[in-house]
N, C-alpha and C. Protein backbone atom coordinates (compact mmCIF):
# COMPACT_ATOMS: atom_id res chain seq x y z
N UNK A 1 1.89 106.12 -18.73
CA UNK A 1 1.47 105.28 -19.84
C UNK A 1 1.68 103.82 -19.45
N UNK A 2 0.68 102.98 -19.70
CA UNK A 2 0.74 101.57 -19.34
C UNK A 2 1.58 100.77 -20.32
N UNK A 3 1.83 99.53 -19.98
CA UNK A 3 2.66 98.65 -20.80
C UNK A 3 1.99 98.32 -22.13
N UNK A 4 0.66 98.39 -22.19
CA UNK A 4 -0.06 98.06 -23.42
C UNK A 4 -0.61 99.30 -24.11
N UNK A 5 0.03 100.43 -23.90
CA UNK A 5 -0.35 101.68 -24.56
C UNK A 5 0.78 102.12 -25.47
N UNK A 6 0.45 102.78 -26.53
CA UNK A 6 1.48 103.30 -27.43
C UNK A 6 1.61 102.47 -28.68
N UNK A 7 2.83 102.36 -29.18
CA UNK A 7 3.11 101.63 -30.41
C UNK A 7 2.96 100.13 -30.15
N UNK A 8 2.05 99.45 -30.88
CA UNK A 8 1.85 98.02 -30.65
C UNK A 8 3.12 97.19 -30.81
N UNK A 9 4.02 97.62 -31.69
CA UNK A 9 5.25 96.85 -31.92
C UNK A 9 6.16 96.88 -30.69
N UNK A 10 5.95 97.85 -29.81
CA UNK A 10 6.76 97.94 -28.58
C UNK A 10 6.09 97.23 -27.41
N UNK A 11 4.87 96.78 -27.59
CA UNK A 11 4.17 96.06 -26.52
C UNK A 11 4.65 94.61 -26.49
N UNK A 12 4.65 93.99 -25.31
CA UNK A 12 5.05 92.58 -25.26
C UNK A 12 3.96 91.69 -25.86
N UNK A 13 4.41 90.56 -26.42
CA UNK A 13 3.46 89.53 -26.87
C UNK A 13 3.07 88.71 -25.65
N UNK A 14 1.82 88.27 -25.57
CA UNK A 14 1.50 87.32 -24.51
C UNK A 14 1.82 85.92 -25.02
N UNK A 15 1.89 84.97 -24.08
CA UNK A 15 2.35 83.62 -24.45
C UNK A 15 1.47 82.96 -25.51
N UNK A 16 0.17 83.25 -25.48
CA UNK A 16 -0.71 82.70 -26.51
C UNK A 16 -0.36 83.23 -27.89
N UNK A 17 -0.07 84.53 -27.97
CA UNK A 17 0.32 85.12 -29.25
C UNK A 17 1.62 84.51 -29.75
N UNK A 18 2.58 84.34 -28.86
CA UNK A 18 3.86 83.74 -29.24
C UNK A 18 3.62 82.34 -29.80
N UNK A 19 2.86 81.54 -29.07
CA UNK A 19 2.58 80.16 -29.50
C UNK A 19 1.90 80.14 -30.86
N UNK A 20 0.87 80.95 -31.02
CA UNK A 20 0.11 80.95 -32.28
C UNK A 20 0.95 81.44 -33.46
N UNK A 21 1.74 82.47 -33.25
CA UNK A 21 2.59 82.99 -34.33
C UNK A 21 3.62 81.94 -34.72
N UNK A 22 4.22 81.30 -33.71
CA UNK A 22 5.23 80.26 -33.96
C UNK A 22 4.61 79.09 -34.71
N UNK A 23 3.46 78.63 -34.25
CA UNK A 23 2.79 77.49 -34.90
C UNK A 23 2.31 77.84 -36.31
N UNK A 24 1.84 79.07 -36.49
CA UNK A 24 1.39 79.48 -37.83
C UNK A 24 2.56 79.48 -38.80
N UNK A 25 3.71 79.98 -38.35
CA UNK A 25 4.90 79.96 -39.18
C UNK A 25 5.29 78.52 -39.53
N UNK A 26 5.28 77.65 -38.53
CA UNK A 26 5.63 76.24 -38.76
C UNK A 26 4.66 75.59 -39.74
N UNK A 27 3.38 75.89 -39.60
CA UNK A 27 2.36 75.33 -40.49
C UNK A 27 2.54 75.84 -41.91
N UNK A 28 2.83 77.12 -42.06
CA UNK A 28 3.04 77.68 -43.40
C UNK A 28 4.27 77.06 -44.06
N UNK A 29 5.32 76.84 -43.28
CA UNK A 29 6.52 76.21 -43.83
C UNK A 29 6.23 74.78 -44.26
N UNK A 30 5.40 74.09 -43.51
CA UNK A 30 4.99 72.74 -43.90
C UNK A 30 4.13 72.78 -45.16
N UNK A 31 3.27 73.78 -45.25
CA UNK A 31 2.43 73.94 -46.43
C UNK A 31 3.25 74.17 -47.69
N UNK A 32 4.32 74.94 -47.56
CA UNK A 32 5.20 75.17 -48.72
C UNK A 32 5.70 73.84 -49.25
N UNK A 33 6.18 73.00 -48.35
CA UNK A 33 6.70 71.69 -48.75
C UNK A 33 5.61 70.82 -49.38
N UNK A 34 4.44 70.82 -48.76
CA UNK A 34 3.33 70.01 -49.27
C UNK A 34 2.88 70.50 -50.64
N UNK A 35 2.76 71.82 -50.81
CA UNK A 35 2.30 72.36 -52.09
C UNK A 35 3.36 72.17 -53.18
N UNK A 36 4.64 72.17 -52.82
CA UNK A 36 5.68 71.85 -53.79
C UNK A 36 5.54 70.40 -54.25
N UNK A 37 5.22 69.51 -53.33
CA UNK A 37 4.97 68.11 -53.69
C UNK A 37 3.77 68.02 -54.61
N UNK A 38 2.68 68.71 -54.25
CA UNK A 38 1.48 68.71 -55.08
C UNK A 38 1.77 69.23 -56.48
N UNK A 39 2.64 70.24 -56.59
CA UNK A 39 2.98 70.80 -57.91
C UNK A 39 3.54 69.74 -58.84
N UNK A 40 4.35 68.84 -58.30
CA UNK A 40 4.92 67.78 -59.13
C UNK A 40 3.86 66.79 -59.58
N UNK A 41 2.79 66.65 -58.81
CA UNK A 41 1.74 65.68 -59.11
C UNK A 41 0.60 66.28 -59.94
N UNK A 42 0.46 67.59 -59.90
CA UNK A 42 -0.67 68.25 -60.56
C UNK A 42 -0.52 68.20 -62.08
N UNK A 43 -1.62 67.94 -62.75
CA UNK A 43 -1.63 67.93 -64.20
C UNK A 43 -2.31 69.16 -64.78
N UNK A 44 -3.24 69.73 -64.03
CA UNK A 44 -4.04 70.85 -64.51
C UNK A 44 -3.28 72.17 -64.36
N UNK A 45 -3.26 72.96 -65.41
CA UNK A 45 -2.56 74.24 -65.42
C UNK A 45 -3.12 75.22 -64.38
N UNK A 46 -4.45 75.31 -64.28
CA UNK A 46 -5.08 76.22 -63.32
C UNK A 46 -4.78 75.80 -61.89
N UNK A 47 -4.74 74.52 -61.63
CA UNK A 47 -4.41 74.01 -60.30
C UNK A 47 -2.96 74.36 -59.95
N UNK A 48 -2.07 74.24 -60.92
CA UNK A 48 -0.66 74.60 -60.69
C UNK A 48 -0.52 76.08 -60.36
N UNK A 49 -1.30 76.91 -61.06
CA UNK A 49 -1.26 78.35 -60.78
C UNK A 49 -1.75 78.63 -59.35
N UNK A 50 -2.82 77.96 -58.93
CA UNK A 50 -3.31 78.12 -57.56
C UNK A 50 -2.24 77.68 -56.56
N UNK A 51 -1.61 76.54 -56.81
CA UNK A 51 -0.57 76.04 -55.90
C UNK A 51 0.60 77.01 -55.82
N UNK A 52 1.02 77.56 -56.94
CA UNK A 52 2.11 78.55 -56.93
C UNK A 52 1.73 79.79 -56.12
N UNK A 53 0.48 80.24 -56.25
CA UNK A 53 0.02 81.38 -55.45
C UNK A 53 0.00 81.05 -53.97
N UNK A 54 -0.43 79.84 -53.63
CA UNK A 54 -0.46 79.42 -52.22
C UNK A 54 0.95 79.33 -51.65
N UNK A 55 1.90 78.87 -52.44
CA UNK A 55 3.29 78.81 -51.99
C UNK A 55 3.82 80.22 -51.73
N UNK A 56 3.51 81.13 -52.63
CA UNK A 56 3.94 82.53 -52.48
C UNK A 56 3.34 83.13 -51.21
N UNK A 57 2.06 82.91 -50.98
CA UNK A 57 1.40 83.43 -49.77
C UNK A 57 2.01 82.82 -48.51
N UNK A 58 2.27 81.51 -48.55
CA UNK A 58 2.83 80.82 -47.37
C UNK A 58 4.24 81.34 -47.07
N UNK A 59 5.04 81.56 -48.10
CA UNK A 59 6.39 82.11 -47.89
C UNK A 59 6.33 83.48 -47.23
N UNK A 60 5.41 84.32 -47.73
CA UNK A 60 5.26 85.67 -47.18
C UNK A 60 4.80 85.62 -45.73
N UNK A 61 3.81 84.79 -45.44
CA UNK A 61 3.30 84.68 -44.07
C UNK A 61 4.37 84.16 -43.13
N UNK A 62 5.09 83.12 -43.54
CA UNK A 62 6.15 82.57 -42.69
C UNK A 62 7.23 83.62 -42.42
N UNK A 63 7.61 84.36 -43.45
CA UNK A 63 8.64 85.40 -43.29
C UNK A 63 8.16 86.49 -42.33
N UNK A 64 6.91 86.91 -42.46
CA UNK A 64 6.38 87.96 -41.57
C UNK A 64 6.27 87.46 -40.14
N UNK A 65 5.81 86.24 -39.96
CA UNK A 65 5.71 85.68 -38.61
C UNK A 65 7.10 85.52 -37.99
N UNK A 66 8.06 85.03 -38.78
CA UNK A 66 9.42 84.86 -38.28
C UNK A 66 10.04 86.21 -37.88
N UNK A 67 9.79 87.22 -38.69
CA UNK A 67 10.30 88.56 -38.38
C UNK A 67 9.71 89.06 -37.06
N UNK A 68 8.43 88.85 -36.86
CA UNK A 68 7.77 89.26 -35.62
C UNK A 68 8.34 88.50 -34.42
N UNK A 69 8.57 87.21 -34.59
CA UNK A 69 9.14 86.41 -33.50
C UNK A 69 10.55 86.88 -33.16
N UNK A 70 11.39 87.05 -34.18
CA UNK A 70 12.78 87.47 -33.95
C UNK A 70 12.82 88.84 -33.29
N UNK A 71 11.96 89.75 -33.75
CA UNK A 71 11.89 91.10 -33.15
C UNK A 71 11.57 91.03 -31.66
N UNK A 72 10.87 89.97 -31.26
CA UNK A 72 10.50 89.81 -29.85
C UNK A 72 11.38 88.79 -29.12
N UNK A 73 12.51 88.45 -29.71
CA UNK A 73 13.48 87.59 -29.04
C UNK A 73 13.14 86.11 -29.04
N UNK A 74 12.27 85.68 -29.95
CA UNK A 74 11.86 84.27 -30.03
C UNK A 74 12.47 83.65 -31.28
N UNK A 75 13.04 82.47 -31.13
CA UNK A 75 13.61 81.75 -32.27
C UNK A 75 12.47 81.17 -33.11
N UNK A 76 12.41 81.47 -34.40
CA UNK A 76 11.33 80.92 -35.24
C UNK A 76 11.55 79.44 -35.53
N UNK A 77 10.50 78.75 -35.97
CA UNK A 77 10.64 77.33 -36.31
C UNK A 77 11.52 77.17 -37.55
N UNK A 78 12.18 76.02 -37.65
CA UNK A 78 13.03 75.80 -38.83
C UNK A 78 12.20 75.60 -40.10
N UNK A 79 12.80 75.94 -41.22
CA UNK A 79 12.17 75.70 -42.51
C UNK A 79 12.51 74.29 -42.97
N UNK A 80 11.63 73.72 -43.76
CA UNK A 80 11.90 72.41 -44.35
C UNK A 80 12.73 72.61 -45.62
N UNK A 81 13.49 71.60 -46.02
CA UNK A 81 14.26 71.74 -47.26
C UNK A 81 13.34 71.89 -48.47
N UNK A 82 13.80 72.63 -49.47
CA UNK A 82 13.04 72.79 -50.72
C UNK A 82 12.92 71.44 -51.41
N UNK A 83 11.74 71.17 -51.94
CA UNK A 83 11.55 69.93 -52.70
C UNK A 83 12.03 70.14 -54.13
N UNK A 84 12.65 69.14 -54.69
CA UNK A 84 13.06 69.27 -56.10
C UNK A 84 11.84 69.20 -57.00
N UNK A 85 11.92 69.87 -58.12
CA UNK A 85 10.84 69.81 -59.11
C UNK A 85 10.95 68.48 -59.85
N UNK A 86 9.82 67.80 -59.98
CA UNK A 86 9.78 66.49 -60.65
C UNK A 86 8.72 66.55 -61.73
N UNK A 87 9.00 65.96 -62.85
CA UNK A 87 8.04 65.88 -63.93
C UNK A 87 6.96 64.85 -63.58
N UNK A 88 5.74 65.16 -63.91
CA UNK A 88 4.61 64.25 -63.62
C UNK A 88 4.86 62.87 -64.21
N UNK A 89 5.46 62.80 -65.36
CA UNK A 89 5.71 61.53 -66.03
C UNK A 89 6.71 60.65 -65.27
N UNK A 90 7.52 61.26 -64.40
CA UNK A 90 8.51 60.51 -63.63
C UNK A 90 7.88 59.79 -62.43
N UNK A 91 6.65 60.16 -62.08
CA UNK A 91 5.97 59.58 -60.92
C UNK A 91 5.13 58.40 -61.41
N UNK A 92 5.35 57.21 -60.83
CA UNK A 92 4.54 56.06 -61.26
C UNK A 92 3.04 56.33 -61.06
N UNK A 93 2.24 55.84 -61.99
CA UNK A 93 0.80 56.12 -61.97
C UNK A 93 0.16 55.77 -60.63
N UNK A 94 0.49 54.65 -60.05
CA UNK A 94 -0.10 54.25 -58.77
C UNK A 94 0.35 55.09 -57.59
N UNK A 95 1.41 55.87 -57.76
CA UNK A 95 1.95 56.69 -56.67
C UNK A 95 1.56 58.16 -56.80
N UNK A 96 0.85 58.51 -57.86
CA UNK A 96 0.49 59.91 -58.10
C UNK A 96 -0.75 60.32 -57.31
N UNK A 97 -0.72 61.58 -56.87
CA UNK A 97 -1.95 62.20 -56.38
C UNK A 97 -2.71 62.67 -57.61
N UNK A 98 -4.02 62.49 -57.61
CA UNK A 98 -4.83 63.04 -58.70
C UNK A 98 -5.12 64.51 -58.42
N UNK A 99 -5.54 65.23 -59.43
CA UNK A 99 -5.88 66.64 -59.24
C UNK A 99 -7.01 66.80 -58.23
N UNK A 100 -7.95 65.87 -58.23
CA UNK A 100 -9.06 65.92 -57.25
C UNK A 100 -8.51 65.75 -55.84
N UNK A 101 -7.62 64.79 -55.64
CA UNK A 101 -7.03 64.58 -54.31
C UNK A 101 -6.25 65.81 -53.84
N UNK A 102 -5.54 66.42 -54.77
CA UNK A 102 -4.79 67.63 -54.43
C UNK A 102 -5.74 68.74 -54.01
N UNK A 103 -6.82 68.92 -54.76
CA UNK A 103 -7.77 69.98 -54.44
C UNK A 103 -8.45 69.74 -53.10
N UNK A 104 -8.75 68.49 -52.78
CA UNK A 104 -9.36 68.19 -51.47
C UNK A 104 -8.38 68.56 -50.35
N UNK A 105 -7.10 68.24 -50.53
CA UNK A 105 -6.09 68.62 -49.54
C UNK A 105 -5.96 70.12 -49.40
N UNK A 106 -5.96 70.82 -50.51
CA UNK A 106 -5.88 72.28 -50.50
C UNK A 106 -7.10 72.88 -49.80
N UNK A 107 -8.29 72.39 -50.13
CA UNK A 107 -9.52 72.90 -49.51
C UNK A 107 -9.51 72.69 -48.01
N UNK A 108 -9.03 71.54 -47.58
CA UNK A 108 -8.93 71.24 -46.14
C UNK A 108 -7.97 72.22 -45.46
N UNK A 109 -6.82 72.47 -46.09
CA UNK A 109 -5.85 73.41 -45.54
C UNK A 109 -6.41 74.82 -45.47
N UNK A 110 -7.12 75.24 -46.52
CA UNK A 110 -7.68 76.59 -46.53
C UNK A 110 -8.73 76.76 -45.44
N UNK A 111 -9.58 75.75 -45.25
CA UNK A 111 -10.59 75.83 -44.21
C UNK A 111 -9.93 75.91 -42.82
N UNK A 112 -8.91 75.09 -42.60
CA UNK A 112 -8.20 75.11 -41.31
C UNK A 112 -7.49 76.45 -41.11
N UNK A 113 -6.97 77.02 -42.19
CA UNK A 113 -6.29 78.31 -42.11
C UNK A 113 -7.23 79.43 -41.71
N UNK A 114 -8.45 79.41 -42.25
CA UNK A 114 -9.43 80.45 -41.87
C UNK A 114 -9.79 80.34 -40.39
N UNK A 115 -9.95 79.12 -39.91
CA UNK A 115 -10.27 78.92 -38.49
C UNK A 115 -9.11 79.42 -37.62
N UNK A 116 -7.89 79.04 -37.99
CA UNK A 116 -6.71 79.45 -37.21
C UNK A 116 -6.57 80.96 -37.18
N UNK A 117 -6.71 81.60 -38.33
CA UNK A 117 -6.57 83.06 -38.39
C UNK A 117 -7.64 83.76 -37.56
N UNK A 118 -8.86 83.24 -37.59
CA UNK A 118 -9.94 83.82 -36.78
C UNK A 118 -9.62 83.69 -35.29
N UNK A 119 -9.14 82.52 -34.90
CA UNK A 119 -8.82 82.29 -33.49
C UNK A 119 -7.68 83.20 -33.03
N UNK A 120 -6.65 83.31 -33.85
CA UNK A 120 -5.51 84.14 -33.47
C UNK A 120 -5.91 85.61 -33.41
N UNK A 121 -6.68 86.06 -34.39
CA UNK A 121 -7.15 87.45 -34.39
C UNK A 121 -7.97 87.73 -33.14
N UNK A 122 -8.86 86.81 -32.80
CA UNK A 122 -9.73 87.00 -31.64
C UNK A 122 -9.02 86.95 -30.30
N UNK A 123 -7.90 86.24 -30.23
CA UNK A 123 -7.21 86.11 -28.95
C UNK A 123 -6.04 87.09 -28.79
N UNK A 124 -5.77 87.88 -29.82
CA UNK A 124 -4.65 88.81 -29.76
C UNK A 124 -5.03 90.08 -29.02
N UNK A 125 -4.08 90.58 -28.23
CA UNK A 125 -4.30 91.88 -27.58
C UNK A 125 -3.44 92.96 -28.23
N UNK A 126 -2.48 92.54 -29.03
CA UNK A 126 -1.70 93.51 -29.80
C UNK A 126 -2.42 93.74 -31.13
N UNK A 127 -2.69 94.99 -31.41
CA UNK A 127 -3.43 95.35 -32.61
C UNK A 127 -2.72 94.89 -33.88
N UNK A 128 -1.40 95.03 -33.92
CA UNK A 128 -0.67 94.64 -35.12
C UNK A 128 -0.76 93.14 -35.39
N UNK A 129 -0.79 92.33 -34.34
CA UNK A 129 -0.93 90.88 -34.51
C UNK A 129 -2.32 90.55 -35.04
N UNK A 130 -3.35 91.16 -34.45
CA UNK A 130 -4.71 90.93 -34.92
C UNK A 130 -4.89 91.34 -36.37
N UNK A 131 -4.32 92.48 -36.74
CA UNK A 131 -4.44 92.94 -38.12
C UNK A 131 -3.66 92.04 -39.09
N UNK A 132 -2.50 91.55 -38.66
CA UNK A 132 -1.71 90.66 -39.51
C UNK A 132 -2.50 89.39 -39.84
N UNK A 133 -3.14 88.81 -38.83
CA UNK A 133 -3.88 87.58 -39.06
C UNK A 133 -5.23 87.83 -39.73
N UNK A 134 -5.75 89.04 -39.61
CA UNK A 134 -6.93 89.41 -40.40
C UNK A 134 -6.56 89.48 -41.87
N UNK A 135 -5.36 89.97 -42.15
CA UNK A 135 -4.86 90.02 -43.54
C UNK A 135 -4.72 88.60 -44.09
N UNK A 136 -4.14 87.70 -43.28
CA UNK A 136 -3.99 86.32 -43.74
C UNK A 136 -5.36 85.68 -43.99
N UNK A 137 -6.32 85.99 -43.12
CA UNK A 137 -7.68 85.46 -43.30
C UNK A 137 -8.24 85.91 -44.65
N UNK A 138 -8.08 87.19 -44.96
CA UNK A 138 -8.61 87.72 -46.22
C UNK A 138 -7.93 87.05 -47.43
N UNK A 139 -6.63 86.82 -47.34
CA UNK A 139 -5.91 86.14 -48.44
C UNK A 139 -6.39 84.70 -48.60
N UNK A 140 -6.59 84.02 -47.49
CA UNK A 140 -7.07 82.64 -47.53
C UNK A 140 -8.48 82.60 -48.09
N UNK A 141 -9.31 83.53 -47.67
CA UNK A 141 -10.69 83.59 -48.16
C UNK A 141 -10.72 83.76 -49.68
N UNK A 142 -9.86 84.63 -50.20
CA UNK A 142 -9.78 84.83 -51.65
C UNK A 142 -9.29 83.55 -52.34
N UNK A 143 -8.28 82.90 -51.77
CA UNK A 143 -7.78 81.65 -52.34
C UNK A 143 -8.84 80.56 -52.29
N UNK A 144 -9.62 80.54 -51.21
CA UNK A 144 -10.69 79.56 -51.08
C UNK A 144 -11.75 79.77 -52.16
N UNK A 145 -12.08 81.03 -52.45
CA UNK A 145 -13.05 81.32 -53.50
C UNK A 145 -12.52 80.84 -54.85
N UNK A 146 -11.24 81.06 -55.10
CA UNK A 146 -10.62 80.59 -56.34
C UNK A 146 -10.66 79.07 -56.42
N UNK A 147 -10.30 78.41 -55.32
CA UNK A 147 -10.29 76.95 -55.29
C UNK A 147 -11.70 76.38 -55.49
N UNK A 148 -12.69 76.99 -54.88
CA UNK A 148 -14.07 76.51 -55.02
C UNK A 148 -14.55 76.69 -56.46
N UNK A 149 -14.28 77.84 -57.04
CA UNK A 149 -14.67 78.08 -58.44
C UNK A 149 -13.98 77.09 -59.37
N UNK A 150 -12.71 76.85 -59.13
CA UNK A 150 -11.95 75.90 -59.95
C UNK A 150 -12.51 74.49 -59.80
N UNK A 151 -12.84 74.11 -58.58
CA UNK A 151 -13.40 72.77 -58.34
C UNK A 151 -14.74 72.58 -59.05
N UNK A 152 -15.57 73.61 -59.02
CA UNK A 152 -16.86 73.53 -59.71
C UNK A 152 -16.67 73.48 -61.22
N UNK A 153 -15.79 74.33 -61.72
CA UNK A 153 -15.54 74.40 -63.17
C UNK A 153 -14.99 73.09 -63.71
N UNK A 154 -14.10 72.45 -62.95
CA UNK A 154 -13.43 71.23 -63.42
C UNK A 154 -14.20 69.96 -63.07
N UNK A 155 -15.28 70.10 -62.31
CA UNK A 155 -16.05 68.93 -61.91
C UNK A 155 -15.38 68.12 -60.81
N UNK A 156 -14.52 68.76 -60.03
CA UNK A 156 -13.79 68.07 -58.97
C UNK A 156 -14.53 68.06 -57.64
N UNK A 157 -15.51 68.91 -57.50
CA UNK A 157 -16.19 69.03 -56.21
C UNK A 157 -17.13 67.85 -56.01
N UNK A 158 -17.11 67.31 -54.81
CA UNK A 158 -18.04 66.26 -54.43
C UNK A 158 -18.94 66.88 -53.37
N UNK A 159 -20.14 67.32 -53.79
CA UNK A 159 -20.98 68.04 -52.84
C UNK A 159 -21.61 67.09 -51.83
N UNK A 160 -21.94 67.62 -50.65
CA UNK A 160 -22.71 66.83 -49.71
C UNK A 160 -24.11 66.64 -50.28
N UNK A 161 -24.95 65.84 -49.64
CA UNK A 161 -26.32 65.67 -50.17
C UNK A 161 -26.98 67.03 -50.40
N UNK A 162 -27.56 67.18 -51.58
CA UNK A 162 -28.22 68.43 -51.93
C UNK A 162 -29.72 68.32 -51.70
N UNK A 163 -30.30 69.42 -51.32
CA UNK A 163 -31.75 69.46 -51.11
C UNK A 163 -32.40 69.69 -52.47
N UNK A 164 -32.87 68.61 -53.07
CA UNK A 164 -33.47 68.68 -54.41
C UNK A 164 -34.89 69.22 -54.33
N UNK A 165 -35.68 68.64 -53.48
CA UNK A 165 -37.06 69.11 -53.31
C UNK A 165 -37.13 69.97 -52.06
N UNK A 166 -37.54 71.19 -52.28
CA UNK A 166 -37.65 72.10 -51.15
C UNK A 166 -39.12 72.30 -50.81
N UNK A 167 -39.41 72.46 -49.54
CA UNK A 167 -40.80 72.65 -49.16
C UNK A 167 -41.35 73.95 -49.74
N UNK A 168 -42.61 73.90 -50.13
CA UNK A 168 -43.25 75.11 -50.64
C UNK A 168 -43.78 75.93 -49.48
N UNK A 169 -43.69 77.24 -49.63
CA UNK A 169 -44.16 78.12 -48.56
C UNK A 169 -45.47 78.74 -48.93
């Protein structure tokens, strides 16, 4: 039996997998901190619910990636300190992020997350790693659909130029 046959959890990670898992964990930990900051600035209830869901997903992904790293003898990246909860009224008006700005940041993060998960899934030779990042891709895709629907509903989306007149066929 070869080194890459059998239980995927017993197979070695290649250096690319190690790097990507480590960086994904670090990115998710950074996202937790950023989304906690956004929560203090958000005024919209639906946006706060989305941010809380994204924090929950990021915590789960970071924990799973860290567990995978530790199981393979790799020290995971450090977590950032928890941000304190702050009331929106305590933040000066000129220093606040608007709900639109928060949603643009979230949309950018979700798009980058889908690209990262696709790249990691495609470059993995361990089946369990590929499946783990396929799961993250699916979660991000669902969150992206929620964010897009929310942006359209609230009038926060700034669309690129739209094709108003279409050629007749």
